[in-house]
């Protein structure tokens, strides 16, 4: 894999959430909470990734980044659990 440019990384940030939503479109009732948590985790990760690329960060932006990071850690647990249990 070659090094990605900033534009390519930004496009990934805009594409990954809709792709993830489409992939998890119709969960079973038993999967609904885990799927929702996974979608929220990916959503916060995408926000974090996109906002962190700003050239200048005000205190408001830094607070937003901190919030995204905290929320990702809450909802991202399901992603880590899936990777470890599914062997991905």
N, C-alpha and C. Protein backbone atom coordinates (compact mmCIF):
# COMPACT_ATOMS: atom_id res chain seq x y z
N UNK A 1 0.85 -1.18 0.00
CA UNK A 1 0.00 0.00 0.00
C UNK A 1 0.89 1.23 0.00
N UNK A 2 0.56 2.17 -0.83
CA UNK A 2 1.32 3.40 -0.90
C UNK A 2 0.75 4.40 0.10
N UNK A 3 1.50 5.46 0.34
CA UNK A 3 1.04 6.49 1.26
C UNK A 3 -0.12 7.25 0.62
N UNK A 4 -1.18 7.46 1.38
CA UNK A 4 -2.34 8.17 0.88
C UNK A 4 -2.16 9.67 1.05
N UNK A 5 -2.71 10.41 0.10
CA UNK A 5 -2.69 11.87 0.21
C UNK A 5 -3.80 12.31 1.16
N UNK A 6 -3.77 13.56 1.54
CA UNK A 6 -4.81 14.11 2.41
C UNK A 6 -6.18 14.03 1.76
N UNK A 7 -6.23 14.25 0.45
CA UNK A 7 -7.51 14.18 -0.27
C UNK A 7 -8.07 12.77 -0.23
N UNK A 8 -7.22 11.78 -0.43
CA UNK A 8 -7.68 10.39 -0.39
C UNK A 8 -8.18 10.02 1.01
N UNK A 9 -7.49 10.48 2.03
CA UNK A 9 -7.93 10.20 3.39
C UNK A 9 -9.25 10.90 3.69
N UNK A 10 -9.42 12.11 3.19
CA UNK A 10 -10.67 12.83 3.40
C UNK A 10 -11.83 12.11 2.71
N UNK A 11 -11.60 11.66 1.49
CA UNK A 11 -12.65 10.93 0.77
C UNK A 11 -13.02 9.64 1.50
N UNK A 12 -12.03 8.95 2.06
CA UNK A 12 -12.33 7.75 2.83
C UNK A 12 -13.23 8.09 4.00
N UNK A 13 -12.94 9.20 4.67
CA UNK A 13 -13.76 9.63 5.79
C UNK A 13 -15.20 9.87 5.40
N UNK A 14 -15.42 10.41 4.21
CA UNK A 14 -16.79 10.69 3.74
C UNK A 14 -17.48 9.44 3.23
N UNK A 15 -16.74 8.42 2.83
CA UNK A 15 -17.33 7.23 2.22
C UNK A 15 -17.57 6.12 3.23
N UNK A 16 -16.74 6.00 4.25
CA UNK A 16 -16.79 4.83 5.12
C UNK A 16 -18.09 4.71 5.90
N UNK A 17 -18.65 5.81 6.36
CA UNK A 17 -19.89 5.73 7.13
C UNK A 17 -21.05 5.23 6.27
N UNK A 18 -21.31 5.80 5.08
CA UNK A 18 -22.40 5.26 4.26
C UNK A 18 -22.20 3.79 3.86
N UNK A 19 -20.96 3.41 3.60
CA UNK A 19 -20.68 2.00 3.26
C UNK A 19 -20.98 1.11 4.45
N UNK A 20 -20.57 1.54 5.62
CA UNK A 20 -20.82 0.78 6.84
C UNK A 20 -22.32 0.66 7.09
N UNK A 21 -23.06 1.74 6.89
CA UNK A 21 -24.52 1.73 7.07
C UNK A 21 -25.15 0.74 6.09
N UNK A 22 -24.74 0.77 4.84
CA UNK A 22 -25.30 -0.14 3.84
C UNK A 22 -24.99 -1.59 4.18
N UNK A 23 -23.82 -1.84 4.71
CA UNK A 23 -23.42 -3.20 5.07
C UNK A 23 -24.25 -3.74 6.22
N UNK A 24 -24.60 -2.88 7.15
CA UNK A 24 -25.35 -3.31 8.33
C UNK A 24 -26.80 -2.87 8.26
N UNK A 25 -27.36 -2.87 7.08
CA UNK A 25 -28.68 -2.28 6.85
C UNK A 25 -29.81 -2.99 7.59
N UNK A 26 -29.85 -4.30 7.55
CA UNK A 26 -30.98 -5.03 8.13
C UNK A 26 -30.52 -6.05 9.17
N UNK A 27 -30.16 -5.58 10.36
CA UNK A 27 -29.71 -6.53 11.38
C UNK A 27 -30.89 -7.31 11.96
N UNK A 28 -30.58 -8.48 12.46
CA UNK A 28 -31.57 -9.24 13.21
C UNK A 28 -31.84 -8.50 14.52
N UNK A 29 -32.94 -8.82 15.16
CA UNK A 29 -33.27 -8.15 16.42
C UNK A 29 -32.15 -8.33 17.44
N UNK A 30 -31.54 -9.50 17.47
CA UNK A 30 -30.47 -9.76 18.43
C UNK A 30 -29.18 -9.01 18.10
N UNK A 31 -29.04 -8.52 16.87
CA UNK A 31 -27.84 -7.80 16.44
C UNK A 31 -28.01 -6.29 16.46
N UNK A 32 -29.22 -5.81 16.64
CA UNK A 32 -29.52 -4.39 16.46
C UNK A 32 -28.68 -3.48 17.36
N UNK A 33 -28.54 -3.80 18.64
CA UNK A 33 -27.77 -2.94 19.55
C UNK A 33 -26.29 -2.93 19.16
N UNK A 34 -25.74 -4.10 18.87
CA UNK A 34 -24.33 -4.17 18.48
C UNK A 34 -24.09 -3.42 17.17
N UNK A 35 -25.00 -3.53 16.21
CA UNK A 35 -24.84 -2.84 14.94
C UNK A 35 -24.93 -1.33 15.14
N UNK A 36 -25.87 -0.88 15.97
CA UNK A 36 -26.00 0.55 16.24
C UNK A 36 -24.74 1.09 16.90
N UNK A 37 -24.20 0.36 17.88
CA UNK A 37 -22.96 0.78 18.53
C UNK A 37 -21.81 0.83 17.54
N UNK A 38 -21.74 -0.16 16.65
CA UNK A 38 -20.66 -0.18 15.65
C UNK A 38 -20.79 1.02 14.70
N UNK A 39 -22.00 1.33 14.27
CA UNK A 39 -22.21 2.49 13.39
C UNK A 39 -21.83 3.79 14.09
N UNK A 40 -22.20 3.92 15.35
CA UNK A 40 -21.82 5.13 16.09
C UNK A 40 -20.31 5.23 16.25
N UNK A 41 -19.66 4.10 16.52
CA UNK A 41 -18.21 4.10 16.64
C UNK A 41 -17.52 4.55 15.36
N UNK A 42 -17.96 4.02 14.23
CA UNK A 42 -17.38 4.40 12.94
C UNK A 42 -17.69 5.86 12.62
N UNK A 43 -18.89 6.30 12.97
CA UNK A 43 -19.27 7.69 12.72
C UNK A 43 -18.37 8.66 13.50
N UNK A 44 -18.16 8.39 14.78
CA UNK A 44 -17.29 9.25 15.58
C UNK A 44 -15.84 9.19 15.10
N UNK A 45 -15.41 8.01 14.65
CA UNK A 45 -14.05 7.89 14.12
C UNK A 45 -13.90 8.72 12.85
N UNK A 46 -14.91 8.71 11.98
CA UNK A 46 -14.86 9.51 10.75
C UNK A 46 -14.84 11.00 11.09
N UNK A 47 -15.69 11.44 12.03
CA UNK A 47 -15.67 12.85 12.45
C UNK A 47 -14.30 13.23 12.99
N UNK A 48 -13.76 12.38 13.86
CA UNK A 48 -12.45 12.65 14.44
C UNK A 48 -11.40 12.78 13.36
N UNK A 49 -11.42 11.87 12.42
CA UNK A 49 -10.45 11.88 11.33
C UNK A 49 -10.56 13.15 10.48
N UNK A 50 -11.79 13.53 10.12
CA UNK A 50 -11.99 14.70 9.26
C UNK A 50 -11.63 16.01 9.96
N UNK A 51 -12.07 16.17 11.19
CA UNK A 51 -11.83 17.42 11.90
C UNK A 51 -10.36 17.56 12.29
N UNK A 52 -9.70 16.46 12.58
CA UNK A 52 -8.29 16.52 12.97
C UNK A 52 -7.41 17.04 11.83
N UNK A 53 -7.90 17.02 10.60
CA UNK A 53 -7.12 17.49 9.46
C UNK A 53 -7.18 19.00 9.27
N UNK A 54 -8.01 19.70 10.04
CA UNK A 54 -8.06 21.16 9.93
C UNK A 54 -6.67 21.72 10.19
N UNK A 55 -6.34 22.79 9.51
CA UNK A 55 -5.02 23.40 9.68
C UNK A 55 -4.88 24.12 11.02
N UNK A 56 -5.98 24.68 11.50
CA UNK A 56 -5.97 25.42 12.76
C UNK A 56 -7.05 24.86 13.66
N UNK A 57 -6.74 24.77 14.95
CA UNK A 57 -7.69 24.21 15.90
C UNK A 57 -7.96 25.21 17.01
N UNK A 58 -9.21 25.67 17.06
CA UNK A 58 -9.63 26.54 18.16
C UNK A 58 -9.97 25.65 19.36
N UNK A 59 -10.28 26.26 20.48
CA UNK A 59 -10.66 25.48 21.66
C UNK A 59 -11.95 24.71 21.40
N UNK A 60 -12.87 25.31 20.65
CA UNK A 60 -14.12 24.63 20.32
C UNK A 60 -13.84 23.36 19.50
N UNK A 61 -12.96 23.47 18.53
CA UNK A 61 -12.61 22.31 17.71
C UNK A 61 -11.90 21.26 18.56
N UNK A 62 -11.01 21.69 19.44
CA UNK A 62 -10.31 20.73 20.31
C UNK A 62 -11.30 20.02 21.23
N UNK A 63 -12.29 20.74 21.73
CA UNK A 63 -13.33 20.11 22.56
C UNK A 63 -14.13 19.09 21.75
N UNK A 64 -14.45 19.45 20.50
CA UNK A 64 -15.17 18.54 19.62
C UNK A 64 -14.35 17.28 19.36
N UNK A 65 -13.07 17.45 19.09
CA UNK A 65 -12.18 16.30 18.85
C UNK A 65 -12.13 15.42 20.09
N UNK A 66 -12.01 16.03 21.26
CA UNK A 66 -11.97 15.26 22.51
C UNK A 66 -13.26 14.48 22.70
N UNK A 67 -14.39 15.12 22.42
CA UNK A 67 -15.69 14.45 22.54
C UNK A 67 -15.78 13.27 21.57
N UNK A 68 -15.36 13.47 20.33
CA UNK A 68 -15.38 12.39 19.35
C UNK A 68 -14.51 11.22 19.80
N UNK A 69 -13.35 11.52 20.34
CA UNK A 69 -12.45 10.48 20.81
C UNK A 69 -13.08 9.70 21.97
N UNK A 70 -13.68 10.41 22.91
CA UNK A 70 -14.33 9.75 24.04
C UNK A 70 -15.51 8.89 23.58
N UNK A 71 -16.31 9.43 22.68
CA UNK A 71 -17.46 8.67 22.17
C UNK A 71 -17.00 7.46 21.35
N UNK A 72 -15.95 7.63 20.56
CA UNK A 72 -15.43 6.49 19.81
C UNK A 72 -15.00 5.38 20.76
N UNK A 73 -14.33 5.74 21.84
CA UNK A 73 -13.90 4.72 22.79
C UNK A 73 -15.09 4.01 23.43
N UNK A 74 -16.19 4.72 23.66
CA UNK A 74 -17.39 4.07 24.20
C UNK A 74 -18.01 3.11 23.20
N UNK A 75 -18.24 3.60 21.98
CA UNK A 75 -18.93 2.79 20.98
C UNK A 75 -17.99 1.91 20.18
N UNK A 76 -16.72 2.24 20.16
CA UNK A 76 -15.75 1.45 19.40
C UNK A 76 -15.43 0.11 20.04
N UNK A 77 -15.87 -0.10 21.28
CA UNK A 77 -15.63 -1.38 21.94
C UNK A 77 -16.20 -2.53 21.13
N UNK A 78 -17.35 -2.32 20.53
CA UNK A 78 -17.97 -3.38 19.73
C UNK A 78 -17.11 -3.73 18.52
N UNK A 79 -16.41 -2.74 17.96
CA UNK A 79 -15.54 -3.02 16.82
C UNK A 79 -14.36 -3.87 17.25
N UNK A 80 -13.76 -3.54 18.38
CA UNK A 80 -12.64 -4.35 18.89
C UNK A 80 -13.11 -5.75 19.22
N UNK A 81 -14.28 -5.88 19.83
CA UNK A 81 -14.81 -7.19 20.19
C UNK A 81 -15.02 -8.03 18.94
N UNK A 82 -15.56 -7.43 17.88
CA UNK A 82 -15.80 -8.15 16.64
C UNK A 82 -14.50 -8.62 15.99
N UNK A 83 -13.49 -7.78 16.02
CA UNK A 83 -12.22 -8.14 15.41
C UNK A 83 -11.59 -9.32 16.14
N UNK A 84 -11.63 -9.29 17.45
CA UNK A 84 -11.01 -10.35 18.23
C UNK A 84 -11.80 -11.65 18.19
N UNK A 85 -13.13 -11.57 18.15
CA UNK A 85 -13.92 -12.80 18.16
C UNK A 85 -14.09 -13.40 16.78
N UNK A 86 -14.06 -12.57 15.74
CA UNK A 86 -14.22 -13.08 14.38
C UNK A 86 -12.88 -13.39 13.71
N UNK A 87 -11.81 -12.99 14.34
CA UNK A 87 -10.48 -13.27 13.80
C UNK A 87 -10.10 -12.44 12.60
N UNK A 88 -10.67 -11.25 12.48
CA UNK A 88 -10.36 -10.39 11.34
C UNK A 88 -9.05 -9.71 11.52
